[in-house]
Amino acid sequence: MKKSAQQINDLINRDSSVYSATFIFRVKNHDLEFERLNDIIDQVANSNAGFLGKEGWSNNEENKKSVVYYWDSIDALKTFSNHPDHQKAKKNYKKWYNGYEVIISKVLTFKSDNGL
């Protein structure tokens, strides 16, 4: 994570909004083009002042992966989503994924014992 759990929780406690964008997908084929574009998209997220961090999960039994991006505003999330390289990835998703879901949520609380 770019920001710690405590920093994110501090934002929430100051009546600031925190949003998450969860991208769940089934891997089909990750080729060199995918890897290149994925690296660019990570750079786009990291260069966005409103980006708080991301974490990923895998479910190997179902061939599913999940990436959760955290943002300090819905506008920061929209800026990321509308970036030309992100749009290119969305347009070509069928080459790399056997299905996907995107869940946009407002984070109401974020707790941690800082052990992760």
PDB file of N, CA and C in Angstrom:
ATOM      1  N   MET A   1       0.842  -1.178   0.000  1.00  0.00           N
ATOM      2  CA  MET A   1       0.000   0.000   0.000  1.00  0.00           C
ATOM      3  C   MET A   1       0.888   1.242   0.000  1.00  0.00           C
ATOM      4  N   LYS A   2       0.444   2.227  -0.745  1.00  0.00           N
ATOM      5  CA  LYS A   2       1.142   3.512  -0.800  1.00  0.00           C
ATOM      6  C   LYS A   2       0.963   4.261   0.523  1.00  0.00           C
ATOM      7  N   LYS A   3      -0.248   4.223   1.054  1.00  0.00           N
ATOM      8  CA  LYS A   3      -0.564   4.822   2.352  1.00  0.00           C
ATOM      9  C   LYS A   3      -0.800   3.690   3.345  1.00  0.00           C
ATOM     10  N   SER A   4      -0.507   3.937   4.606  1.00  0.00           N
ATOM     11  CA  SER A   4      -0.731   2.918   5.628  1.00  0.00           C
ATOM     12  C   SER A   4      -2.216   2.856   5.981  1.00  0.00           C
ATOM     13  N   ALA A   5      -2.595   1.773   6.628  1.00  0.00           N
ATOM     14  CA  ALA A   5      -3.975   1.630   7.090  1.00  0.00           C
ATOM     15  C   ALA A   5      -4.338   2.795   8.005  1.00  0.00           C
ATOM     16  N   GLN A   6      -3.396   3.211   8.853  1.00  0.00           N
ATOM     17  CA  GLN A   6      -3.654   4.324   9.767  1.00  0.00           C
ATOM     18  C   GLN A   6      -3.898   5.624   9.004  1.00  0.00           C
ATOM     19  N   GLN A   7      -3.121   5.878   7.964  1.00  0.00           N
ATOM     20  CA  GLN A   7      -3.308   7.093   7.163  1.00  0.00           C
ATOM     21  C   GLN A   7      -4.670   7.086   6.468  1.00  0.00           C
ATOM     22  N   ILE A   8      -5.067   5.934   5.959  1.00  0.00           N
ATOM     23  CA  ILE A   8      -6.376   5.838   5.304  1.00  0.00           C
ATOM     24  C   ILE A   8      -7.482   6.036   6.327  1.00  0.00           C
ATOM     25  N   ASN A   9      -7.347   5.401   7.497  1.00  0.00           N
ATOM     26  CA  ASN A   9      -8.353   5.560   8.540  1.00  0.00           C
ATOM     27  C   ASN A   9      -8.421   7.006   9.020  1.00  0.00           C
ATOM     28  N   ASP A  10      -7.284   7.690   9.090  1.00  0.00           N
ATOM     29  CA  ASP A  10      -7.275   9.108   9.469  1.00  0.00           C
ATOM     30  C   ASP A  10      -8.066   9.947   8.472  1.00  0.00           C
ATOM     31  N   LEU A  11      -7.937   9.650   7.179  1.00  0.00           N
ATOM     32  CA  LEU A  11      -8.723  10.367   6.164  1.00  0.00           C
ATOM     33  C   LEU A  11     -10.211  10.175   6.405  1.00  0.00           C
ATOM     34  N   ILE A  12     -10.612   8.934   6.661  1.00  0.00           N
ATOM     35  CA  ILE A  12     -12.028   8.634   6.899  1.00  0.00           C
ATOM     36  C   ILE A  12     -12.517   9.364   8.140  1.00  0.00           C
ATOM     37  N   ASN A  13     -11.718   9.363   9.203  1.00  0.00           N
ATOM     38  CA  ASN A  13     -12.119  10.005  10.459  1.00  0.00           C
ATOM     39  C   ASN A  13     -12.191  11.521  10.356  1.00  0.00           C
ATOM     40  N   ARG A  14     -11.518  12.121   9.361  1.00  0.00           N
ATOM     41  CA  ARG A  14     -11.590  13.575   9.162  1.00  0.00           C
ATOM     42  C   ARG A  14     -12.728  13.927   8.213  1.00  0.00           C
ATOM     43  N   ASP A  15     -13.661  13.031   8.047  1.00  0.00           N
ATOM     44  CA  ASP A  15     -14.801  13.217   7.143  1.00  0.00           C
ATOM     45  C   ASP A  15     -14.378  13.357   5.692  1.00  0.00           C
ATOM     46  N   SER A  16     -13.196  12.870   5.365  1.00  0.00           N
ATOM     47  CA  SER A  16     -12.790  12.793   3.964  1.00  0.00           C
ATOM     48  C   SER A  16     -13.322  11.481   3.411  1.00  0.00           C
ATOM     49  N   SER A  17     -13.539  11.446   2.131  1.00  0.00           N
ATOM     50  CA  SER A  17     -14.026  10.221   1.508  1.00  0.00           C
ATOM     51  C   SER A  17     -12.858   9.378   1.027  1.00  0.00           C
ATOM     52  N   VAL A  18     -13.014   8.088   1.135  1.00  0.00           N
ATOM     53  CA  VAL A  18     -12.087   7.129   0.554  1.00  0.00           C
ATOM     54  C   VAL A  18     -12.928   6.173  -0.280  1.00  0.00           C
ATOM     55  N   TYR A  19     -12.467   5.911  -1.491  1.00  0.00           N
ATOM     56  CA  TYR A  19     -13.186   5.020  -2.402  1.00  0.00           C
ATOM     57  C   TYR A  19     -12.284   3.863  -2.786  1.00  0.00           C
ATOM     58  N   SER A  20     -12.918   2.728  -3.029  1.00  0.00           N
ATOM     59  CA  SER A  20     -12.168   1.586  -3.543  1.00  0.00           C
ATOM     60  C   SER A  20     -12.771   1.169  -4.873  1.00  0.00           C
ATOM     61  N   ALA A  21     -11.906   0.719  -5.754  1.00  0.00           N
ATOM     62  CA  ALA A  21     -12.324   0.134  -7.026  1.00  0.00           C
ATOM     63  C   ALA A  21     -11.753  -1.276  -7.044  1.00  0.00           C
ATOM     64  N   THR A  22     -12.630  -2.261  -6.987  1.00  0.00           N
ATOM     65  CA  THR A  22     -12.215  -3.658  -6.967  1.00  0.00           C
ATOM     66  C   THR A  22     -12.411  -4.249  -8.352  1.00  0.00           C
ATOM     67  N   PHE A  23     -11.345  -4.773  -8.909  1.00  0.00           N
ATOM     68  CA  PHE A  23     -11.354  -5.381 -10.237  1.00  0.00           C
ATOM     69  C   PHE A  23     -11.110  -6.876 -10.051  1.00  0.00           C
ATOM     70  N   ILE A  24     -12.126  -7.685 -10.364  1.00  0.00           N
ATOM     71  CA  ILE A  24     -12.058  -9.137 -10.236  1.00  0.00           C
ATOM     72  C   ILE A  24     -12.095  -9.717 -11.640  1.00  0.00           C
ATOM     73  N   PHE A  25     -11.202 -10.659 -11.927  1.00  0.00           N
ATOM     74  CA  PHE A  25     -11.149 -11.195 -13.287  1.00  0.00           C
ATOM     75  C   PHE A  25     -10.635 -12.629 -13.305  1.00  0.00           C
ATOM     76  N   ARG A  26     -10.966 -13.321 -14.397  1.00  0.00           N
ATOM     77  CA  ARG A  26     -10.416 -14.645 -14.682  1.00  0.00           C
ATOM     78  C   ARG A  26      -9.347 -14.476 -15.750  1.00  0.00           C
ATOM     79  N   VAL A  27      -8.181 -15.006 -15.474  1.00  0.00           N
ATOM     80  CA  VAL A  27      -7.058 -14.893 -16.402  1.00  0.00           C
ATOM     81  C   VAL A  27      -7.305 -15.778 -17.617  1.00  0.00           C
ATOM     82  N   LYS A  28      -7.074 -15.207 -18.785  1.00  0.00           N
ATOM     83  CA  LYS A  28      -7.146 -15.948 -20.043  1.00  0.00           C
ATOM     84  C   LYS A  28      -5.746 -16.071 -20.632  1.00  0.00           C
ATOM     85  N   ASN A  29      -5.136 -14.935 -20.949  1.00  0.00           N
ATOM     86  CA  ASN A  29      -3.826 -14.922 -21.579  1.00  0.00           C
ATOM     87  C   ASN A  29      -3.136 -13.600 -21.267  1.00  0.00           C
ATOM     88  N   HIS A  30      -2.066 -13.671 -20.521  1.00  0.00           N
ATOM     89  CA  HIS A  30      -1.303 -12.457 -20.232  1.00  0.00           C
ATOM     90  C   HIS A  30      -0.026 -12.486 -21.057  1.00  0.00           C
ATOM     91  N   ASP A  31      -0.051 -11.779 -22.176  1.00  0.00           N
ATOM     92  CA  ASP A  31       1.083 -11.729 -23.094  1.00  0.00           C
ATOM     93  C   ASP A  31       1.950 -10.500 -22.803  1.00  0.00           C
ATOM     94  N   LEU A  32       2.949 -10.271 -23.638  1.00  0.00           N
ATOM     95  CA  LEU A  32       3.847  -9.126 -23.439  1.00  0.00           C
ATOM     96  C   LEU A  32       3.106  -7.795 -23.531  1.00  0.00           C
ATOM     97  N   GLU A  33       2.127  -7.701 -24.433  1.00  0.00           N
ATOM     98  CA  GLU A  33       1.341  -6.467 -24.549  1.00  0.00           C
ATOM     99  C   GLU A  33       0.591  -6.198 -23.253  1.00  0.00           C
ATOM    100  N   PHE A  34       0.005  -7.244 -22.668  1.00  0.00           N
ATOM    101  CA  PHE A  34      -0.694  -7.086 -21.396  1.00  0.00           C
ATOM    102  C   PHE A  34       0.273  -6.591 -20.317  1.00  0.00           C
ATOM    103  N   GLU A  35       1.426  -7.246 -20.204  1.00  0.00           N
ATOM    104  CA  GLU A  35       2.397  -6.876 -19.168  1.00  0.00           C
ATOM    105  C   GLU A  35       2.842  -5.424 -19.324  1.00  0.00           C
ATOM    106  N   ARG A  36       3.100  -4.996 -20.553  1.00  0.00           N
ATOM    107  CA  ARG A  36       3.524  -3.623 -20.814  1.00  0.00           C
ATOM    108  C   ARG A  36       2.431  -2.640 -20.405  1.00  0.00           C
ATOM    109  N   LEU A  37       1.197  -2.924 -20.840  1.00  0.00           N
ATOM    110  CA  LEU A  37       0.081  -2.031 -20.538  1.00  0.00           C
ATOM    111  C   LEU A  37      -0.228  -2.027 -19.043  1.00  0.00           C
ATOM    112  N   ASN A  38      -0.129  -3.173 -18.404  1.00  0.00           N
ATOM    113  CA  ASN A  38      -0.367  -3.255 -16.967  1.00  0.00           C
ATOM    114  C   ASN A  38       0.655  -2.416 -16.195  1.00  0.00           C
ATOM    115  N   ASP A  39       1.916  -2.455 -16.621  1.00  0.00           N
ATOM    116  CA  ASP A  39       2.952  -1.626 -15.984  1.00  0.00           C
ATOM    117  C   ASP A  39       2.655  -0.140 -16.159  1.00  0.00           C
ATOM    118  N   ILE A  40       2.197   0.241 -17.349  1.00  0.00           N
ATOM    119  CA  ILE A  40       1.849   1.645 -17.615  1.00  0.00           C
ATOM    120  C   ILE A  40       0.686   2.072 -16.728  1.00  0.00           C
ATOM    121  N   ILE A  41      -0.325   1.211 -16.613  1.00  0.00           N
ATOM    122  CA  ILE A  41      -1.499   1.536 -15.793  1.00  0.00           C
ATOM    123  C   ILE A  41      -1.094   1.690 -14.327  1.00  0.00           C
ATOM    124  N   ASP A  42      -0.182   0.860 -13.846  1.00  0.00           N
ATOM    125  CA  ASP A  42       0.326   1.027 -12.476  1.00  0.00           C
ATOM    126  C   ASP A  42       1.014   2.381 -12.312  1.00  0.00           C
ATOM    127  N   GLN A  43       1.792   2.790 -13.313  1.00  0.00           N
ATOM    128  CA  GLN A  43       2.462   4.098 -13.271  1.00  0.00           C
ATOM    129  C   GLN A  43       1.442   5.232 -13.273  1.00  0.00           C
ATOM    130  N   VAL A  44       0.380   5.075 -14.070  1.00  0.00           N
ATOM    131  CA  VAL A  44      -0.686   6.086 -14.123  1.00  0.00           C
ATOM    132  C   VAL A  44      -1.329   6.221 -12.748  1.00  0.00           C
ATOM    133  N   ALA A  45      -1.641   5.096 -12.113  1.00  0.00           N
ATOM    134  CA  ALA A  45      -2.245   5.140 -10.778  1.00  0.00           C
ATOM    135  C   ALA A  45      -1.300   5.816  -9.790  1.00  0.00           C
ATOM    136  N   ASN A  46      -0.047   5.399  -9.780  1.00  0.00           N
ATOM    137  CA  ASN A  46       0.922   5.947  -8.821  1.00  0.00           C
ATOM    138  C   ASN A  46       1.198   7.428  -9.020  1.00  0.00           C
ATOM    139  N   SER A  47       1.026   7.925 -10.234  1.00  0.00           N
ATOM    140  CA  SER A  47       1.266   9.352 -10.486  1.00  0.00           C
ATOM    141  C   SER A  47       0.048  10.216 -10.155  1.00  0.00           C
ATOM    142  N   ASN A  48      -1.085   9.592  -9.858  1.00  0.00           N
ATOM    143  CA  ASN A  48      -2.310  10.304  -9.506  1.00  0.00           C
ATOM    144  C   ASN A  48      -2.222  10.690  -8.023  1.00  0.00           C
ATOM    145  N   ALA A  49      -2.315  11.995  -7.745  1.00  0.00           N
ATOM    146  CA  ALA A  49      -2.185  12.480  -6.363  1.00  0.00           C
ATOM    147  C   ALA A  49      -3.228  11.870  -5.432  1.00  0.00           C
ATOM    148  N   GLY A  50      -4.363  11.445  -5.962  1.00  0.00           N
ATOM    149  CA  GLY A  50      -5.429  10.877  -5.142  1.00  0.00           C
ATOM    150  C   GLY A  50      -5.333   9.381  -4.923  1.00  0.00           C
ATOM    151  N   PHE A  51      -4.303   8.748  -5.470  1.00  0.00           N
ATOM    152  CA  PHE A  51      -4.125   7.305  -5.324  1.00  0.00           C
ATOM    153  C   PHE A  51      -3.545   6.993  -3.956  1.00  0.00           C
ATOM    154  N   LEU A  52      -4.216   6.120  -3.213  1.00  0.00           N
ATOM    155  CA  LEU A  52      -3.780   5.776  -1.860  1.00  0.00           C
ATOM    156  C   LEU A  52      -3.028   4.455  -1.796  1.00  0.00           C
ATOM    157  N   GLY A  53      -3.258   3.575  -2.760  1.00  0.00           N
ATOM    158  CA  GLY A  53      -2.572   2.286  -2.766  1.00  0.00           C
ATOM    159  C   GLY A  53      -3.425   1.207  -3.391  1.00  0.00           C
ATOM    160  N   LYS A  54      -2.847   0.012  -3.484  1.00  0.00           N
ATOM    161  CA  LYS A  54      -3.581  -1.125  -4.034  1.00  0.00           C
ATOM    162  C   LYS A  54      -3.093  -2.399  -3.381  1.00  0.00           C
ATOM    163  N   GLU A  55      -3.917  -3.414  -3.459  1.00  0.00           N
ATOM    164  CA  GLU A  55      -3.543  -4.742  -3.009  1.00  0.00           C
ATOM    165  C   GLU A  55      -4.220  -5.764  -3.907  1.00  0.00           C
ATOM    166  N   GLY A  56      -3.637  -6.942  -4.018  1.00  0.00           N
ATOM    167  CA  GLY A  56      -4.171  -7.955  -4.906  1.00  0.00           C
ATOM    168  C   GLY A  56      -4.342  -9.291  -4.216  1.00  0.00           C
ATOM    169  N   TRP A  57      -5.251 -10.092  -4.772  1.00  0.00           N
ATOM    170  CA  TRP A  57      -5.564 -11.411  -4.230  1.00  0.00           C
ATOM    171  C   TRP A  57      -5.723 -12.395  -5.374  1.00  0.00           C
ATOM    172  N   SER A  58      -5.423 -13.660  -5.104  1.00  0.00           N
ATOM    173  CA  SER A  58      -5.599 -14.711  -6.105  1.00  0.00           C
ATOM    174  C   SER A  58      -6.406 -15.858  -5.521  1.00  0.00           C
ATOM    175  N   ASN A  59      -7.251 -16.450  -6.361  1.00  0.00           N
ATOM    176  CA  ASN A  59      -7.970 -17.675  -6.033  1.00  0.00           C
ATOM    177  C   ASN A  59      -7.603 -18.662  -7.133  1.00  0.00           C
ATOM    178  N   ASN A  60      -6.567 -19.449  -6.897  1.00  0.00           N
ATOM    179  CA  ASN A  60      -6.050 -20.341  -7.927  1.00  0.00           C
ATOM    180  C   ASN A  60      -7.024 -21.450  -8.302  1.00  0.00           C
ATOM    181  N   GLU A  61      -7.863 -21.891  -7.366  1.00  0.00           N
ATOM    182  CA  GLU A  61      -8.842 -22.938  -7.662  1.00  0.00           C
ATOM    183  C   GLU A  61      -9.810 -22.506  -8.756  1.00  0.00           C
ATOM    184  N   GLU A  62     -10.210 -21.250  -8.736  1.00  0.00           N
ATOM    185  CA  GLU A  62     -11.175 -20.735  -9.715  1.00  0.00           C
ATOM    186  C   GLU A  62     -10.518 -19.877 -10.789  1.00  0.00           C
ATOM    187  N   ASN A  63      -9.181 -19.804 -10.774  1.00  0.00           N
ATOM    188  CA  ASN A  63      -8.438 -18.991 -11.740  1.00  0.00           C
ATOM    189  C   ASN A  63      -8.910 -17.539 -11.725  1.00  0.00           C
ATOM    190  N   LYS A  64      -9.157 -17.020 -10.520  1.00  0.00           N
ATOM    191  CA  LYS A  64      -9.604 -15.638 -10.357  1.00  0.00           C
ATOM    192  C   LYS A  64      -8.528 -14.824  -9.666  1.00  0.00           C
ATOM    193  N   LYS A  65      -8.473 -13.556 -10.040  1.00  0.00           N
ATOM    194  CA  LYS A  65      -7.605 -12.590  -9.367  1.00  0.00           C
ATOM    195  C   LYS A  65      -8.439 -11.360  -9.043  1.00  0.00           C
ATOM    196  N   SER A  66      -7.989 -10.630  -8.051  1.00  0.00           N
ATOM    197  CA  SER A  66      -8.667  -9.408  -7.646  1.00  0.00           C
ATOM    198  C   SER A  66      -7.620  -8.357  -7.306  1.00  0.00           C
ATOM    199  N   VAL A  67      -7.856  -7.141  -7.764  1.00  0.00           N
ATOM    200  CA  VAL A  67      -6.997  -6.013  -7.416  1.00  0.00           C
ATOM    201  C   VAL A  67      -7.905  -4.917  -6.868  1.00  0.00           C
ATOM    202  N   VAL A  68      -7.565  -4.410  -5.688  1.00  0.00           N
ATOM    203  CA  VAL A  68      -8.337  -3.339  -5.062  1.00  0.00           C
ATOM    204  C   VAL A  68      -7.475  -2.082  -5.060  1.00  0.00           C
ATOM    205  N   TYR A  69      -7.996  -1.026  -5.696  1.00  0.00           N
ATOM    206  CA  TYR A  69      -7.331   0.277  -5.731  1.00  0.00           C
ATOM    207  C   TYR A  69      -8.067   1.199  -4.760  1.00  0.00           C
ATOM    208  N   TYR A  70      -7.323   1.996  -3.988  1.00  0.00           N
ATOM    209  CA  TYR A  70      -7.914   2.945  -3.039  1.00  0.00           C
ATOM    210  C   TYR A  70      -7.626   4.372  -3.493  1.00  0.00           C
ATOM    211  N   TRP A  71      -8.653   5.232  -3.375  1.00  0.00           N
ATOM    212  CA  TRP A  71      -8.569   6.617  -3.861  1.00  0.00           C
ATOM    213  C   TRP A  71      -9.112   7.572  -2.813  1.00  0.00           C
ATOM    214  N   ASP A  72      -8.581   8.800  -2.797  1.00  0.00           N
ATOM    215  CA  ASP A  72      -9.059   9.782  -1.817  1.00  0.00           C
ATOM    216  C   ASP A  72     -10.247  10.594  -2.314  1.00  0.00           C
ATOM    217  N   SER A  73     -10.683  10.348  -3.545  1.00  0.00           N
ATOM    218  CA  SER A  73     -11.879  11.026  -4.064  1.00  0.00           C
ATOM    219  C   SER A  73     -12.400  10.270  -5.276  1.00  0.00           C
ATOM    220  N   ILE A  74     -13.658  10.461  -5.551  1.00  0.00           N
ATOM    221  CA  ILE A  74     -14.249   9.844  -6.740  1.00  0.00           C
ATOM    222  C   ILE A  74     -13.665  10.482  -7.996  1.00  0.00           C
ATOM    223  N   ASP A  75     -13.297  11.762  -7.921  1.00  0.00           N
ATOM    224  CA  ASP A  75     -12.686  12.429  -9.078  1.00  0.00           C
ATOM    225  C   ASP A  75     -11.329  11.822  -9.421  1.00  0.00           C
ATOM    226  N   ALA A  76     -10.533  11.488  -8.406  1.00  0.00           N
ATOM    227  CA  ALA A  76      -9.238  10.847  -8.656  1.00  0.00           C
ATOM    228  C   ALA A  76      -9.437   9.487  -9.317  1.00  0.00           C
ATOM    229  N   LEU A  77     -10.432   8.744  -8.846  1.00  0.00           N
ATOM    230  CA  LEU A  77     -10.739   7.445  -9.442  1.00  0.00           C
ATOM    231  C   LEU A  77     -11.179   7.614 -10.893  1.00  0.00           C
ATOM    232  N   LYS A  78     -12.033   8.592 -11.159  1.00  0.00           N
ATOM    233  CA  LYS A  78     -12.508   8.835 -12.532  1.00  0.00           C
ATOM    234  C   LYS A  78     -11.366   9.265 -13.453  1.00  0.00           C
ATOM    235  N   THR A  79     -10.453  10.084 -12.936  1.00  0.00           N
ATOM    236  CA  THR A  79      -9.293  10.495 -13.737  1.00  0.00           C
ATOM    237  C   THR A  79      -8.490   9.272 -14.155  1.00  0.00           C
ATOM    238  N   PHE A  80      -8.269   8.371 -13.219  1.00  0.00           N
ATOM    239  CA  PHE A  80      -7.565   7.120 -13.523  1.00  0.00           C
ATOM    240  C   PHE A  80      -8.340   6.295 -14.550  1.00  0.00           C
ATOM    241  N   SER A  81      -9.621   6.132 -14.311  1.00  0.00           N
ATOM    242  CA  SER A  81     -10.464   5.311 -15.190  1.00  0.00           C
ATOM    243  C   SER A  81     -10.530   5.853 -16.609  1.00  0.00           C
ATOM    244  N   ASN A  82     -10.466   7.169 -16.755  1.00  0.00           N
ATOM    245  CA  ASN A  82     -10.579   7.794 -18.076  1.00  0.00           C
ATOM    246  C   ASN A  82      -9.240   7.976 -18.786  1.00  0.00           C
ATOM    247  N   HIS A  83      -8.144   7.594 -18.157  1.00  0.00           N
ATOM    248  CA  HIS A  83      -6.830   7.734 -18.794  1.00  0.00           C
ATOM    249  C   HIS A  83      -6.794   6.904 -20.084  1.00  0.00           C
ATOM    250  N   PRO A  84      -6.192   7.414 -21.158  1.00  0.00           N
ATOM    251  CA  PRO A  84      -6.177   6.704 -22.452  1.00  0.00           C
ATOM    252  C   PRO A  84      -5.620   5.279 -22.384  1.00  0.00           C
ATOM    253  N   ASP A  85      -4.580   5.044 -21.595  1.00  0.00           N
ATOM    254  CA  ASP A  85      -4.032   3.688 -21.505  1.00  0.00           C
ATOM    255  C   ASP A  85      -4.978   2.747 -20.767  1.00  0.00           C
ATOM    256  N   HIS A  86      -5.687   3.271 -19.776  1.00  0.00           N
ATOM    257  CA  HIS A  86      -6.678   2.452 -19.079  1.00  0.00           C
ATOM    258  C   HIS A  86      -7.846   2.143 -20.015  1.00  0.00           C
ATOM    259  N   GLN A  87      -8.247   3.117 -20.800  1.00  0.00           N
ATOM    260  CA  GLN A  87      -9.315   2.902 -21.783  1.00  0.00           C
ATOM    261  C   GLN A  87      -8.898   1.849 -22.813  1.00  0.00           C
ATOM    262  N   LYS A  88      -7.645   1.873 -23.226  1.00  0.00           N
ATOM    263  CA  LYS A  88      -7.139   0.883 -24.185  1.00  0.00           C
ATOM    264  C   LYS A  88      -7.227  -0.523 -23.585  1.00  0.00           C
ATOM    265  N   ALA A  89      -6.851  -0.654 -22.330  1.00  0.00           N
ATOM    266  CA  ALA A  89      -6.930  -1.956 -21.664  1.00  0.00           C
ATOM    267  C   ALA A  89      -8.375  -2.434 -21.580  1.00  0.00           C
ATOM    268  N   LYS A  90      -9.295  -1.533 -21.245  1.00  0.00           N
ATOM    269  CA  LYS A  90     -10.714  -1.901 -21.177  1.00  0.00           C
ATOM    270  C   LYS A  90     -11.217  -2.385 -22.526  1.00  0.00           C
ATOM    271  N   LYS A  91     -10.814  -1.697 -23.555  1.00  0.00           N
ATOM    272  CA  LYS A  91     -11.267  -2.018 -24.913  1.00  0.00           C
ATOM    273  C   LYS A  91     -10.796  -3.408 -25.358  1.00  0.00           C
ATOM    274  N   ASN A  92      -9.619  -3.812 -24.913  1.00  0.00           N
ATOM    275  CA  ASN A  92      -9.019  -5.076 -25.351  1.00  0.00           C
ATOM    276  C   ASN A  92      -9.105  -6.192 -24.312  1.00  0.00           C
ATOM    277  N   TYR A  93      -9.984  -6.049 -23.327  1.00  0.00           N
ATOM    278  CA  TYR A  93      -9.998  -6.990 -22.210  1.00  0.00           C
ATOM    279  C   TYR A  93     -10.237  -8.439 -22.633  1.00  0.00           C
ATOM    280  N   LYS A  94     -10.977  -8.675 -23.705  1.00  0.00           N
ATOM    281  CA  LYS A  94     -11.300 -10.057 -24.103  1.00  0.00           C
ATOM    282  C   LYS A  94     -10.067 -10.854 -24.515  1.00  0.00           C
ATOM    283  N   LYS A  95      -8.987 -10.166 -24.856  1.00  0.00           N
ATOM    284  CA  LYS A  95      -7.739 -10.863 -25.192  1.00  0.00           C
ATOM    285  C   LYS A  95      -7.087 -11.461 -23.944  1.00  0.00           C
ATOM    286  N   TRP A  96      -7.339 -10.854 -22.783  1.00  0.00           N
ATOM    287  CA  TRP A  96      -6.611 -11.228 -21.578  1.00  0.00           C
ATOM    288  C   TRP A  96      -7.462 -11.834 -20.472  1.00  0.00           C
ATOM    289  N   TYR A  97      -8.781 -11.638 -20.532  1.00  0.00           N
ATOM    290  CA  TYR A  97      -9.646 -12.086 -19.439  1.00  0.00           C
ATOM    291  C   TYR A  97     -10.801 -12.940 -19.948  1.00  0.00           C
ATOM    292  N   ASN A  98     -11.170 -13.932 -19.132  1.00  0.00           N
ATOM    293  CA  ASN A  98     -12.387 -14.716 -19.355  1.00  0.00           C
ATOM    294  C   ASN A  98     -13.456 -14.209 -18.391  1.00  0.00           C
ATOM    295  N   GLY A  99     -13.748 -12.946 -18.470  1.00  0.00           N
ATOM    296  CA  GLY A  99     -14.765 -12.337 -17.619  1.00  0.00           C
ATOM    297  C   GLY A  99     -14.167 -11.457 -16.542  1.00  0.00           C
ATOM    298  N   TYR A 100     -14.939 -10.451 -16.145  1.00  0.00           N
ATOM    299  CA  TYR A 100     -14.483  -9.527 -15.098  1.00  0.00           C
ATOM    300  C   TYR A 100     -15.674  -8.888 -14.406  1.00  0.00           C
ATOM    301  N   GLU A 101     -15.420  -8.324 -13.252  1.00  0.00           N
ATOM    302  CA  GLU A 101     -16.371  -7.499 -12.500  1.00  0.00           C
ATOM    303  C   GLU A 101     -15.598  -6.312 -11.936  1.00  0.00           C
ATOM    304  N   VAL A 102     -16.253  -5.168 -11.861  1.00  0.00           N
ATOM    305  CA  VAL A 102     -15.679  -3.989 -11.214  1.00  0.00           C
ATOM    306  C   VAL A 102     -16.684  -3.510 -10.175  1.00  0.00           C
ATOM    307  N   ILE A 103     -16.211  -3.312  -8.969  1.00  0.00           N
ATOM    308  CA  ILE A 103     -17.067  -2.848  -7.876  1.00  0.00           C
ATOM    309  C   ILE A 103     -16.460  -1.559  -7.332  1.00  0.00           C
ATOM    310  N   ILE A 104     -17.220  -0.473  -7.396  1.00  0.00           N
ATOM    311  CA  ILE A 104     -16.792   0.821  -6.853  1.00  0.00           C
ATOM    312  C   ILE A 104     -17.526   1.016  -5.525  1.00  0.00           C
ATOM    313  N   SER A 105     -16.775   1.278  -4.471  1.00  0.00           N
ATOM    314  CA  SER A 105     -17.366   1.390  -3.137  1.00  0.00           C
ATOM    315  C   SER A 105     -16.820   2.599  -2.399  1.00  0.00           C
ATOM    316  N   LYS A 106     -17.654   3.153  -1.528  1.00  0.00           N
ATOM    317  CA  LYS A 106     -17.191   4.172  -0.592  1.00  0.00           C
ATOM    318  C   LYS A 106     -16.785   3.443   0.684  1.00  0.00           C
ATOM    319  N   VAL A 107     -15.569   3.683   1.136  1.00  0.00           N
ATOM    320  CA  VAL A 107     -15.046   3.002   2.318  1.00  0.00           C
ATOM    321  C   VAL A 107     -15.548   3.736   3.559  1.00  0.00           C
ATOM    322  N   LEU A 108     -16.252   3.017   4.415  1.00  0.00           N
ATOM    323  CA  LEU A 108     -16.797   3.619   5.627  1.00  0.00           C
ATOM    324  C   LEU A 108     -15.853   3.476   6.813  1.00  0.00           C
ATOM    325  N   THR A 109     -15.094   2.411   6.824  1.00  0.00           N
ATOM    326  CA  THR A 109     -14.108   2.207   7.881  1.00  0.00           C
ATOM    327  C   THR A 109     -12.967   1.363   7.333  1.00  0.00           C
ATOM    328  N   PHE A 110     -11.820   1.514   7.911  1.00  0.00           N
ATOM    329  CA  PHE A 110     -10.625   0.782   7.496  1.00  0.00           C
ATOM    330  C   PHE A 110      -9.843   0.511   8.766  1.00  0.00           C
ATOM    331  N   LYS A 111      -9.839  -0.718   9.230  1.00  0.00           N
ATOM    332  CA  LYS A 111      -9.187  -1.050  10.493  1.00  0.00           C
ATOM    333  C   LYS A 111      -8.037  -2.009  10.242  1.00  0.00           C
ATOM    334  N   SER A 112      -7.024  -1.910  11.066  1.00  0.00           N
ATOM    335  CA  SER A 112      -5.862  -2.777  10.926  1.00  0.00           C
ATOM    336  C   SER A 112      -5.102  -2.830  12.245  1.00  0.00           C
ATOM    337  N   ASP A 113      -4.470  -3.973  12.485  1.00  0.00           N
ATOM    338  CA  ASP A 113      -3.560  -4.051  13.623  1.00  0.00           C
ATOM    339  C   ASP A 113      -2.122  -3.824  13.165  1.00  0.00           C
ATOM    340  N   ASN A 114      -1.980  -3.426  11.881  1.00  0.00           N
ATOM    341  CA  ASN A 114      -0.695  -3.165  11.235  1.00  0.00           C
ATOM    342  C   ASN A 114       0.189  -4.407  11.150  1.00  0.00           C
ATOM    343  N   GLY A 115      -0.431  -5.586  11.270  1.00  0.00           N
ATOM    344  CA  GLY A 115       0.305  -6.833  11.160  1.00  0.00           C
ATOM    345  C   GLY A 115       0.428  -7.338   9.738  1.00  0.00           C
ATOM    346  N   LEU A 116      -0.311  -6.740   8.828  1.00  0.00           N
ATOM    347  CA  LEU A 116      -0.228  -7.164   7.433  1.00  0.00           C
ATOM    348  C   LEU A 116       0.678  -6.235   6.712  1.00  0.00           C
TER     349      LEU A 116
END
